[in-house]
Amino acid sequence: DSVITAKFKKRELTIALVCFGLAFIVNVCCVIAYSCP
């Protein structure tokens, strides 16, 4: 039996949100760099 702790879930969610934020920032930088709407 394996148990996924709340601490593990919180850490993985934080990492996933940081990855999403990084990807979103890259998207914003590309919009600025290429003068897109």
ModelCIF file with pLDDT and N, C-alpha, C, O atoms, coordinates in Angstrom:
data_MODEL
#
_entry.id   MODEL 
#
_entity.id                         1 
_entity.type                       polymer 
_entity.pdbx_number_of_molecules   1 
#
_entity_poly.entity_id                      1 
_entity_poly.type                           'polypeptide(L)' 
_entity_poly.nstd_linkage                   no 
_entity_poly.nstd_monomer                   no 
_entity_poly.pdbx_seq_one_letter_code       DSVITAKFKKRELTIALVCFGLAFIVNVCCVIAYSCP 
_entity_poly.pdbx_seq_one_letter_code_can   DSVITAKFKKRELTIALVCFGLAFIVNVCCVIAYSCP 
_entity_poly.pdbx_strand_id                 A 
#
loop_
_entity_poly_seq.entity_id 
_entity_poly_seq.num 
_entity_poly_seq.mon_id 
_entity_poly_seq.hetero 
1 1  ASP n 
1 2  SER n 
1 3  VAL n 
1 4  ILE n 
1 5  THR n 
1 6  ALA n 
1 7  LYS n 
1 8  PHE n 
1 9  LYS n 
1 10 LYS n 
1 11 ARG n 
1 12 GLU n 
1 13 LEU n 
1 14 THR n 
1 15 ILE n 
1 16 ALA n 
1 17 LEU n 
1 18 VAL n 
1 19 CYS n 
1 20 PHE n 
1 21 GLY n 
1 22 LEU n 
1 23 ALA n 
1 24 PHE n 
1 25 ILE n 
1 26 VAL n 
1 27 ASN n 
1 28 VAL n 
1 29 CYS n 
1 30 CYS n 
1 31 VAL n 
1 32 ILE n 
1 33 ALA n 
1 34 TYR n 
1 35 SER n 
1 36 CYS n 
1 37 PRO n 
#
_struct_asym.id          A 
_struct_asym.entity_id   1 
#
loop_
_ma_qa_metric.id 
_ma_qa_metric.mode 
_ma_qa_metric.name 
_ma_qa_metric.software_group_id 
_ma_qa_metric.type 
1 global pLDDT . pLDDT 
2 local  pLDDT . pLDDT 
#
_ma_qa_metric_global.metric_id      1 
_ma_qa_metric_global.metric_value   94.97 
_ma_qa_metric_global.model_id       1 
_ma_qa_metric_global.ordinal_id     1 
#
loop_
_ma_qa_metric_local.label_asym_id 
_ma_qa_metric_local.label_comp_id 
_ma_qa_metric_local.label_seq_id 
_ma_qa_metric_local.metric_id 
_ma_qa_metric_local.metric_value 
_ma_qa_metric_local.model_id 
_ma_qa_metric_local.ordinal_id 
A ASP 1  2 81.00 1 1  
A SER 2  2 83.00 1 2  
A VAL 3  2 88.00 1 3  
A ILE 4  2 89.00 1 4  
A THR 5  2 93.00 1 5  
A ALA 6  2 94.00 1 6  
A LYS 7  2 95.00 1 7  
A PHE 8  2 94.00 1 8  
A LYS 9  2 95.00 1 9  
A LYS 10 2 97.00 1 10 
A ARG 11 2 96.00 1 11 
A GLU 12 2 96.00 1 12 
A LEU 13 2 97.00 1 13 
A THR 14 2 98.00 1 14 
A ILE 15 2 97.00 1 15 
A ALA 16 2 97.00 1 16 
A LEU 17 2 98.00 1 17 
A VAL 18 2 98.00 1 18 
A CYS 19 2 98.00 1 19 
A PHE 20 2 98.00 1 20 
A GLY 21 2 98.00 1 21 
A LEU 22 2 97.00 1 22 
A ALA 23 2 97.00 1 23 
A PHE 24 2 97.00 1 24 
A ILE 25 2 97.00 1 25 
A VAL 26 2 97.00 1 26 
A ASN 27 2 97.00 1 27 
A VAL 28 2 96.00 1 28 
A CYS 29 2 96.00 1 29 
A CYS 30 2 95.00 1 30 
A VAL 31 2 95.00 1 31 
A ILE 32 2 95.00 1 32 
A ALA 33 2 96.00 1 33 
A TYR 34 2 95.00 1 34 
A SER 35 2 95.00 1 35 
A CYS 36 2 93.00 1 36 
A PRO 37 2 96.00 1 37 
#
loop_
_atom_site.group_PDB 
_atom_site.id 
_atom_site.type_symbol 
_atom_site.label_atom_id 
_atom_site.label_alt_id 
_atom_site.label_comp_id 
_atom_site.label_asym_id 
_atom_site.label_entity_id 
_atom_site.label_seq_id 
_atom_site.pdbx_PDB_ins_code 
_atom_site.Cartn_x 
_atom_site.Cartn_y 
_atom_site.Cartn_z 
_atom_site.occupancy 
_atom_site.B_iso_or_equiv 
_atom_site.pdbx_formal_charge 
_atom_site.auth_seq_id 
_atom_site.auth_comp_id 
_atom_site.auth_asym_id 
_atom_site.auth_atom_id 
_atom_site.pdbx_PDB_model_num 
ATOM 1   N N  . ASP A 1 1  ? 0.841  -1.190 0.000   1.00 81.00 ? 1  ASP A N  1 
ATOM 2   C CA . ASP A 1 1  ? 0.000  0.000  0.000   1.00 81.00 ? 1  ASP A CA 1 
ATOM 3   C C  . ASP A 1 1  ? 0.873  1.235  0.000   1.00 81.00 ? 1  ASP A C  1 
ATOM 4   O O  . ASP A 1 1  ? 1.890  1.294  0.692   1.00 81.00 ? 1  ASP A O  1 
ATOM 5   N N  . SER A 1 2  ? 0.470  2.220  -0.779  1.00 83.00 ? 2  SER A N  1 
ATOM 6   C CA . SER A 1 2  ? 1.211  3.479  -0.777  1.00 83.00 ? 2  SER A CA 1 
ATOM 7   C C  . SER A 1 2  ? 0.254  4.612  -0.451  1.00 83.00 ? 2  SER A C  1 
ATOM 8   O O  . SER A 1 2  ? -0.920 4.590  -0.822  1.00 83.00 ? 2  SER A O  1 
ATOM 9   N N  . VAL A 1 3  ? 0.774  5.579  0.238   1.00 88.00 ? 3  VAL A N  1 
ATOM 10  C CA . VAL A 1 3  ? -0.028 6.720  0.659   1.00 88.00 ? 3  VAL A CA 1 
ATOM 11  C C  . VAL A 1 3  ? 0.618  7.980  0.091   1.00 88.00 ? 3  VAL A C  1 
ATOM 12  O O  . VAL A 1 3  ? 1.817  8.208  0.252   1.00 88.00 ? 3  VAL A O  1 
ATOM 13  N N  . ILE A 1 4  ? -0.188 8.782  -0.569  1.00 89.00 ? 4  ILE A N  1 
ATOM 14  C CA . ILE A 1 4  ? 0.298  10.065 -1.069  1.00 89.00 ? 4  ILE A CA 1 
ATOM 15  C C  . ILE A 1 4  ? -0.069 11.109 -0.028  1.00 89.00 ? 4  ILE A C  1 
ATOM 16  O O  . ILE A 1 4  ? -1.247 11.370 0.216   1.00 89.00 ? 4  ILE A O  1 
ATOM 17  N N  . THR A 1 5  ? 0.942  11.700 0.579   1.00 93.00 ? 5  THR A N  1 
ATOM 18  C CA . THR A 1 5  ? 0.696  12.639 1.668   1.00 93.00 ? 5  THR A CA 1 
ATOM 19  C C  . THR A 1 5  ? 0.275  14.004 1.132   1.00 93.00 ? 5  THR A C  1 
ATOM 20  O O  . THR A 1 5  ? 0.472  14.322 -0.041  1.00 93.00 ? 5  THR A O  1 
ATOM 21  N N  . ALA A 1 6  ? -0.302 14.787 2.011   1.00 94.00 ? 6  ALA A N  1 
ATOM 22  C CA . ALA A 1 6  ? -0.706 16.146 1.645   1.00 94.00 ? 6  ALA A CA 1 
ATOM 23  C C  . ALA A 1 6  ? 0.513  16.993 1.315   1.00 94.00 ? 6  ALA A C  1 
ATOM 24  O O  . ALA A 1 6  ? 0.452  17.850 0.433   1.00 94.00 ? 6  ALA A O  1 
ATOM 25  N N  . LYS A 1 7  ? 1.616  16.761 2.013   1.00 95.00 ? 7  LYS A N  1 
ATOM 26  C CA . LYS A 1 7  ? 2.845  17.507 1.751   1.00 95.00 ? 7  LYS A CA 1 
ATOM 27  C C  . LYS A 1 7  ? 3.346  17.239 0.331   1.00 95.00 ? 7  LYS A C  1 
ATOM 28  O O  . LYS A 1 7  ? 3.769  18.161 -0.367  1.00 95.00 ? 7  LYS A O  1 
ATOM 29  N N  . PHE A 1 8  ? 3.299  15.988 -0.090  1.00 94.00 ? 8  PHE A N  1 
ATOM 30  C CA . PHE A 1 8  ? 3.727  15.613 -1.437  1.00 94.00 ? 8  PHE A CA 1 
ATOM 31  C C  . PHE A 1 8  ? 2.831  16.268 -2.488  1.00 94.00 ? 8  PHE A C  1 
ATOM 32  O O  . PHE A 1 8  ? 3.321  16.807 -3.480  1.00 94.00 ? 8  PHE A O  1 
ATOM 33  N N  . LYS A 1 9  ? 1.518  16.220 -2.264  1.00 95.00 ? 9  LYS A N  1 
ATOM 34  C CA . LYS A 1 9  ? 0.572  16.829 -3.208  1.00 95.00 ? 9  LYS A CA 1 
ATOM 35  C C  . LYS A 1 9  ? 0.815  18.333 -3.329  1.00 95.00 ? 9  LYS A C  1 
ATOM 36  O O  . LYS A 1 9  ? 0.808  18.885 -4.430  1.00 95.00 ? 9  LYS A O  1 
ATOM 37  N N  . LYS A 1 10 ? 1.029  18.987 -2.189  1.00 97.00 ? 10 LYS A N  1 
ATOM 38  C CA . LYS A 1 10 ? 1.250  20.431 -2.187  1.00 97.00 ? 10 LYS A CA 1 
ATOM 39  C C  . LYS A 1 10 ? 2.538  20.781 -2.931  1.00 97.00 ? 10 LYS A C  1 
ATOM 40  O O  . LYS A 1 10 ? 2.569  21.747 -3.694  1.00 97.00 ? 10 LYS A O  1 
ATOM 41  N N  . ARG A 1 11 ? 3.606  19.999 -2.714  1.00 96.00 ? 11 ARG A N  1 
ATOM 42  C CA . ARG A 1 11 ? 4.873  20.262 -3.391  1.00 96.00 ? 11 ARG A CA 1 
ATOM 43  C C  . ARG A 1 11 ? 4.733  20.086 -4.899  1.00 96.00 ? 11 ARG A C  1 
ATOM 44  O O  . ARG A 1 11 ? 5.238  20.907 -5.665  1.00 96.00 ? 11 ARG A O  1 
ATOM 45  N N  . GLU A 1 12 ? 4.058  19.031 -5.332  1.00 96.00 ? 12 GLU A N  1 
ATOM 46  C CA . GLU A 1 12 ? 3.889  18.786 -6.760  1.00 96.00 ? 12 GLU A CA 1 
ATOM 47  C C  . GLU A 1 12 ? 3.007  19.856 -7.408  1.00 96.00 ? 12 GLU A C  1 
ATOM 48  O O  . GLU A 1 12 ? 3.274  20.286 -8.530  1.00 96.00 ? 12 GLU A O  1 
ATOM 49  N N  . LEU A 1 13 ? 1.968  20.279 -6.708  1.00 97.00 ? 13 LEU A N  1 
ATOM 50  C CA . LEU A 1 13 ? 1.104  21.341 -7.230  1.00 97.00 ? 13 LEU A CA 1 
ATOM 51  C C  . LEU A 1 13 ? 1.883  22.645 -7.356  1.00 97.00 ? 13 LEU A C  1 
ATOM 52  O O  . LEU A 1 13 ? 1.722  23.372 -8.336  1.00 97.00 ? 13 LEU A O  1 
ATOM 53  N N  . THR A 1 14 ? 2.720  22.945 -6.377  1.00 98.00 ? 14 THR A N  1 
ATOM 54  C CA . THR A 1 14 ? 3.546  24.148 -6.432  1.00 98.00 ? 14 THR A CA 1 
ATOM 55  C C  . THR A 1 14 ? 4.500  24.093 -7.620  1.00 98.00 ? 14 THR A C  1 
ATOM 56  O O  . THR A 1 14 ? 4.658  25.080 -8.340  1.00 98.00 ? 14 THR A O  1 
ATOM 57  N N  . ILE A 1 15 ? 5.126  22.958 -7.823  1.00 97.00 ? 15 ILE A N  1 
ATOM 58  C CA . ILE A 1 15 ? 6.050  22.809 -8.950  1.00 97.00 ? 15 ILE A CA 1 
ATOM 59  C C  . ILE A 1 15 ? 5.301  22.959 -10.273 1.00 97.00 ? 15 ILE A C  1 
ATOM 60  O O  . ILE A 1 15 ? 5.793  23.617 -11.190 1.00 97.00 ? 15 ILE A O  1 
ATOM 61  N N  . ALA A 1 16 ? 4.124  22.360 -10.380 1.00 97.00 ? 16 ALA A N  1 
ATOM 62  C CA . ALA A 1 16 ? 3.330  22.466 -11.601 1.00 97.00 ? 16 ALA A CA 1 
ATOM 63  C C  . ALA A 1 16 ? 2.905  23.912 -11.865 1.00 97.00 ? 16 ALA A C  1 
ATOM 64  O O  . ALA A 1 16 ? 2.927  24.365 -13.010 1.00 97.00 ? 16 ALA A O  1 
ATOM 65  N N  . LEU A 1 17 ? 2.524  24.631 -10.822 1.00 98.00 ? 17 LEU A N  1 
ATOM 66  C CA . LEU A 1 17 ? 2.132  26.035 -10.995 1.00 98.00 ? 17 LEU A CA 1 
ATOM 67  C C  . LEU A 1 17 ? 3.317  26.908 -11.389 1.00 98.00 ? 17 LEU A C  1 
ATOM 68  O O  . LEU A 1 17 ? 3.168  27.839 -12.181 1.00 98.00 ? 17 LEU A O  1 
ATOM 69  N N  . VAL A 1 18 ? 4.487  26.614 -10.842 1.00 98.00 ? 18 VAL A N  1 
ATOM 70  C CA . VAL A 1 18 ? 5.690  27.357 -11.237 1.00 98.00 ? 18 VAL A CA 1 
ATOM 71  C C  . VAL A 1 18 ? 6.007  27.097 -12.709 1.00 98.00 ? 18 VAL A C  1 
ATOM 72  O O  . VAL A 1 18 ? 6.378  28.018 -13.436 1.00 98.00 ? 18 VAL A O  1 
ATOM 73  N N  . CYS A 1 19 ? 5.861  25.849 -13.148 1.00 98.00 ? 19 CYS A N  1 
ATOM 74  C CA . CYS A 1 19 ? 6.085  25.524 -14.561 1.00 98.00 ? 19 CYS A CA 1 
ATOM 75  C C  . CYS A 1 19 ? 5.083  26.250 -15.456 1.00 98.00 ? 19 CYS A C  1 
ATOM 76  O O  . CYS A 1 19 ? 5.449  26.754 -16.518 1.00 98.00 ? 19 CYS A O  1 
ATOM 77  N N  . PHE A 1 20 ? 3.821  26.303 -15.029 1.00 98.00 ? 20 PHE A N  1 
ATOM 78  C CA . PHE A 1 20 ? 2.821  27.026 -15.806 1.00 98.00 ? 20 PHE A CA 1 
ATOM 79  C C  . PHE A 1 20 ? 3.151  28.516 -15.846 1.00 98.00 ? 20 PHE A C  1 
ATOM 80  O O  . PHE A 1 20 ? 3.040  29.150 -16.896 1.00 98.00 ? 20 PHE A O  1 
ATOM 81  N N  . GLY A 1 21 ? 3.555  29.072 -14.710 1.00 98.00 ? 21 GLY A N  1 
ATOM 82  C CA . GLY A 1 21 ? 3.922  30.488 -14.672 1.00 98.00 ? 21 GLY A CA 1 
ATOM 83  C C  . GLY A 1 21 ? 5.098  30.784 -15.579 1.00 98.00 ? 21 GLY A C  1 
ATOM 84  O O  . GLY A 1 21 ? 5.109  31.806 -16.265 1.00 98.00 ? 21 GLY A O  1 
ATOM 85  N N  . LEU A 1 22 ? 6.083  29.909 -15.593 1.00 97.00 ? 22 LEU A N  1 
ATOM 86  C CA . LEU A 1 22 ? 7.239  30.083 -16.466 1.00 97.00 ? 22 LEU A CA 1 
ATOM 87  C C  . LEU A 1 22 ? 6.828  30.038 -17.935 1.00 97.00 ? 22 LEU A C  1 
ATOM 88  O O  . LEU A 1 22 ? 7.284  30.854 -18.736 1.00 97.00 ? 22 LEU A O  1 
ATOM 89  N N  . ALA A 1 23 ? 5.972  29.090 -18.287 1.00 97.00 ? 23 ALA A N  1 
ATOM 90  C CA . ALA A 1 23 ? 5.490  28.996 -19.665 1.00 97.00 ? 23 ALA A CA 1 
ATOM 91  C C  . ALA A 1 23 ? 4.675  30.234 -20.046 1.00 97.00 ? 23 ALA A C  1 
ATOM 92  O O  . ALA A 1 23 ? 4.771  30.715 -21.175 1.00 97.00 ? 23 ALA A O  1 
ATOM 93  N N  . PHE A 1 24 ? 3.886  30.740 -19.126 1.00 97.00 ? 24 PHE A N  1 
ATOM 94  C CA . PHE A 1 24 ? 3.089  31.939 -19.395 1.00 97.00 ? 24 PHE A CA 1 
ATOM 95  C C  . PHE A 1 24 ? 3.992  33.150 -19.605 1.00 97.00 ? 24 PHE A C  1 
ATOM 96  O O  . PHE A 1 24 ? 3.736  33.970 -20.487 1.00 97.00 ? 24 PHE A O  1 
ATOM 97  N N  . ILE A 1 25 ? 5.045  33.265 -18.799 1.00 97.00 ? 25 ILE A N  1 
ATOM 98  C CA . ILE A 1 25 ? 5.997  34.369 -18.950 1.00 97.00 ? 25 ILE A CA 1 
ATOM 99  C C  . ILE A 1 25 ? 6.705  34.276 -20.291 1.00 97.00 ? 25 ILE A C  1 
ATOM 100 O O  . ILE A 1 25 ? 6.926  35.294 -20.948 1.00 97.00 ? 25 ILE A O  1 
ATOM 101 N N  . VAL A 1 26 ? 7.062  33.065 -20.704 1.00 97.00 ? 26 VAL A N  1 
ATOM 102 C CA . VAL A 1 26 ? 7.689  32.887 -22.016 1.00 97.00 ? 26 VAL A CA 1 
ATOM 103 C C  . VAL A 1 26 ? 6.726  33.336 -23.109 1.00 97.00 ? 26 VAL A C  1 
ATOM 104 O O  . VAL A 1 26 ? 7.150  33.972 -24.074 1.00 97.00 ? 26 VAL A O  1 
ATOM 105 N N  . ASN A 1 27 ? 5.449  33.022 -22.979 1.00 97.00 ? 27 ASN A N  1 
ATOM 106 C CA . ASN A 1 27 ? 4.448  33.436 -23.954 1.00 97.00 ? 27 ASN A CA 1 
ATOM 107 C C  . ASN A 1 27 ? 4.347  34.964 -24.016 1.00 97.00 ? 27 ASN A C  1 
ATOM 108 O O  . ASN A 1 27 ? 4.296  35.539 -25.103 1.00 97.00 ? 27 ASN A O  1 
ATOM 109 N N  . VAL A 1 28 ? 4.318  35.611 -22.869 1.00 96.00 ? 28 VAL A N  1 
ATOM 110 C CA . VAL A 1 28 ? 4.244  37.074 -22.840 1.00 96.00 ? 28 VAL A CA 1 
ATOM 111 C C  . VAL A 1 28 ? 5.483  37.687 -23.495 1.00 96.00 ? 28 VAL A C  1 
ATOM 112 O O  . VAL A 1 28 ? 5.377  38.651 -24.254 1.00 96.00 ? 28 VAL A O  1 
ATOM 113 N N  . CYS A 1 29 ? 6.650  37.127 -23.201 1.00 96.00 ? 29 CYS A N  1 
ATOM 114 C CA . CYS A 1 29 ? 7.889  37.637 -23.808 1.00 96.00 ? 29 CYS A CA 1 
ATOM 115 C C  . CYS A 1 29 ? 7.869  37.476 -25.322 1.00 96.00 ? 29 CYS A C  1 
ATOM 116 O O  . CYS A 1 29 ? 8.336  38.354 -26.048 1.00 96.00 ? 29 CYS A O  1 
ATOM 117 N N  . CYS A 1 30 ? 7.335  36.364 -25.796 1.00 95.00 ? 30 CYS A N  1 
ATOM 118 C CA . CYS A 1 30 ? 7.242  36.159 -27.245 1.00 95.00 ? 30 CYS A CA 1 
ATOM 119 C C  . CYS A 1 30 ? 6.264  37.141 -27.888 1.00 95.00 ? 30 CYS A C  1 
ATOM 120 O O  . CYS A 1 30 ? 6.518  37.639 -28.985 1.00 95.00 ? 30 CYS A O  1 
ATOM 121 N N  . VAL A 1 31 ? 5.157  37.420 -27.219 1.00 95.00 ? 31 VAL A N  1 
ATOM 122 C CA . VAL A 1 31 ? 4.199  38.394 -27.747 1.00 95.00 ? 31 VAL A CA 1 
ATOM 123 C C  . VAL A 1 31 ? 4.851  39.767 -27.850 1.00 95.00 ? 31 VAL A C  1 
ATOM 124 O O  . VAL A 1 31 ? 4.651  40.484 -28.830 1.00 95.00 ? 31 VAL A O  1 
ATOM 125 N N  . ILE A 1 32 ? 5.629  40.127 -26.841 1.00 95.00 ? 32 ILE A N  1 
ATOM 126 C CA . ILE A 1 32 ? 6.322  41.417 -26.862 1.00 95.00 ? 32 ILE A CA 1 
ATOM 127 C C  . ILE A 1 32 ? 7.407  41.426 -27.939 1.00 95.00 ? 32 ILE A C  1 
ATOM 128 O O  . ILE A 1 32 ? 7.524  42.390 -28.696 1.00 95.00 ? 32 ILE A O  1 
ATOM 129 N N  . ALA A 1 33 ? 8.199  40.359 -28.007 1.00 96.00 ? 33 ALA A N  1 
ATOM 130 C CA . ALA A 1 33 ? 9.326  40.314 -28.935 1.00 96.00 ? 33 ALA A CA 1 
ATOM 131 C C  . ALA A 1 33 ? 8.882  40.349 -30.391 1.00 96.00 ? 33 ALA A C  1 
ATOM 132 O O  . ALA A 1 33 ? 9.536  40.974 -31.225 1.00 96.00 ? 33 ALA A O  1 
ATOM 133 N N  . TYR A 1 34 ? 7.775  39.682 -30.701 1.00 95.00 ? 34 TYR A N  1 
ATOM 134 C CA . TYR A 1 34 ? 7.319  39.610 -32.087 1.00 95.00 ? 34 TYR A CA 1 
ATOM 135 C C  . TYR A 1 34 ? 6.219  40.619 -32.402 1.00 95.00 ? 34 TYR A C  1 
ATOM 136 O O  . TYR A 1 34 ? 5.628  40.572 -33.481 1.00 95.00 ? 34 TYR A O  1 
ATOM 137 N N  . SER A 1 35 ? 5.941  41.522 -31.477 1.00 95.00 ? 35 SER A N  1 
ATOM 138 C CA . SER A 1 35 ? 4.936  42.579 -31.657 1.00 95.00 ? 35 SER A CA 1 
ATOM 139 C C  . SER A 1 35 ? 3.583  42.022 -32.097 1.00 95.00 ? 35 SER A C  1 
ATOM 140 O O  . SER A 1 35 ? 2.948  42.559 -33.005 1.00 95.00 ? 35 SER A O  1 
ATOM 141 N N  . CYS A 1 36 ? 3.158  40.968 -31.460 1.00 93.00 ? 36 CYS A N  1 
ATOM 142 C CA . CYS A 1 36 ? 1.860  40.361 -31.760 1.00 93.00 ? 36 CYS A CA 1 
ATOM 143 C C  . CYS A 1 36 ? 0.778  41.074 -30.955 1.00 93.00 ? 36 CYS A C  1 
ATOM 144 O O  . CYS A 1 36 ? 1.074  41.744 -29.965 1.00 93.00 ? 36 CYS A O  1 
ATOM 145 N N  . PRO A 1 37 ? -0.474 40.930 -31.380 1.00 96.00 ? 37 PRO A N  1 
ATOM 146 C CA . PRO A 1 37 ? -1.560 41.495 -30.581 1.00 96.00 ? 37 PRO A CA 1 
ATOM 147 C C  . PRO A 1 37 ? -1.650 40.803 -29.216 1.00 96.00 ? 37 PRO A C  1 
ATOM 148 O O  . PRO A 1 37 ? -2.509 41.148 -28.404 1.00 96.00 ? 37 PRO A O  1 
#
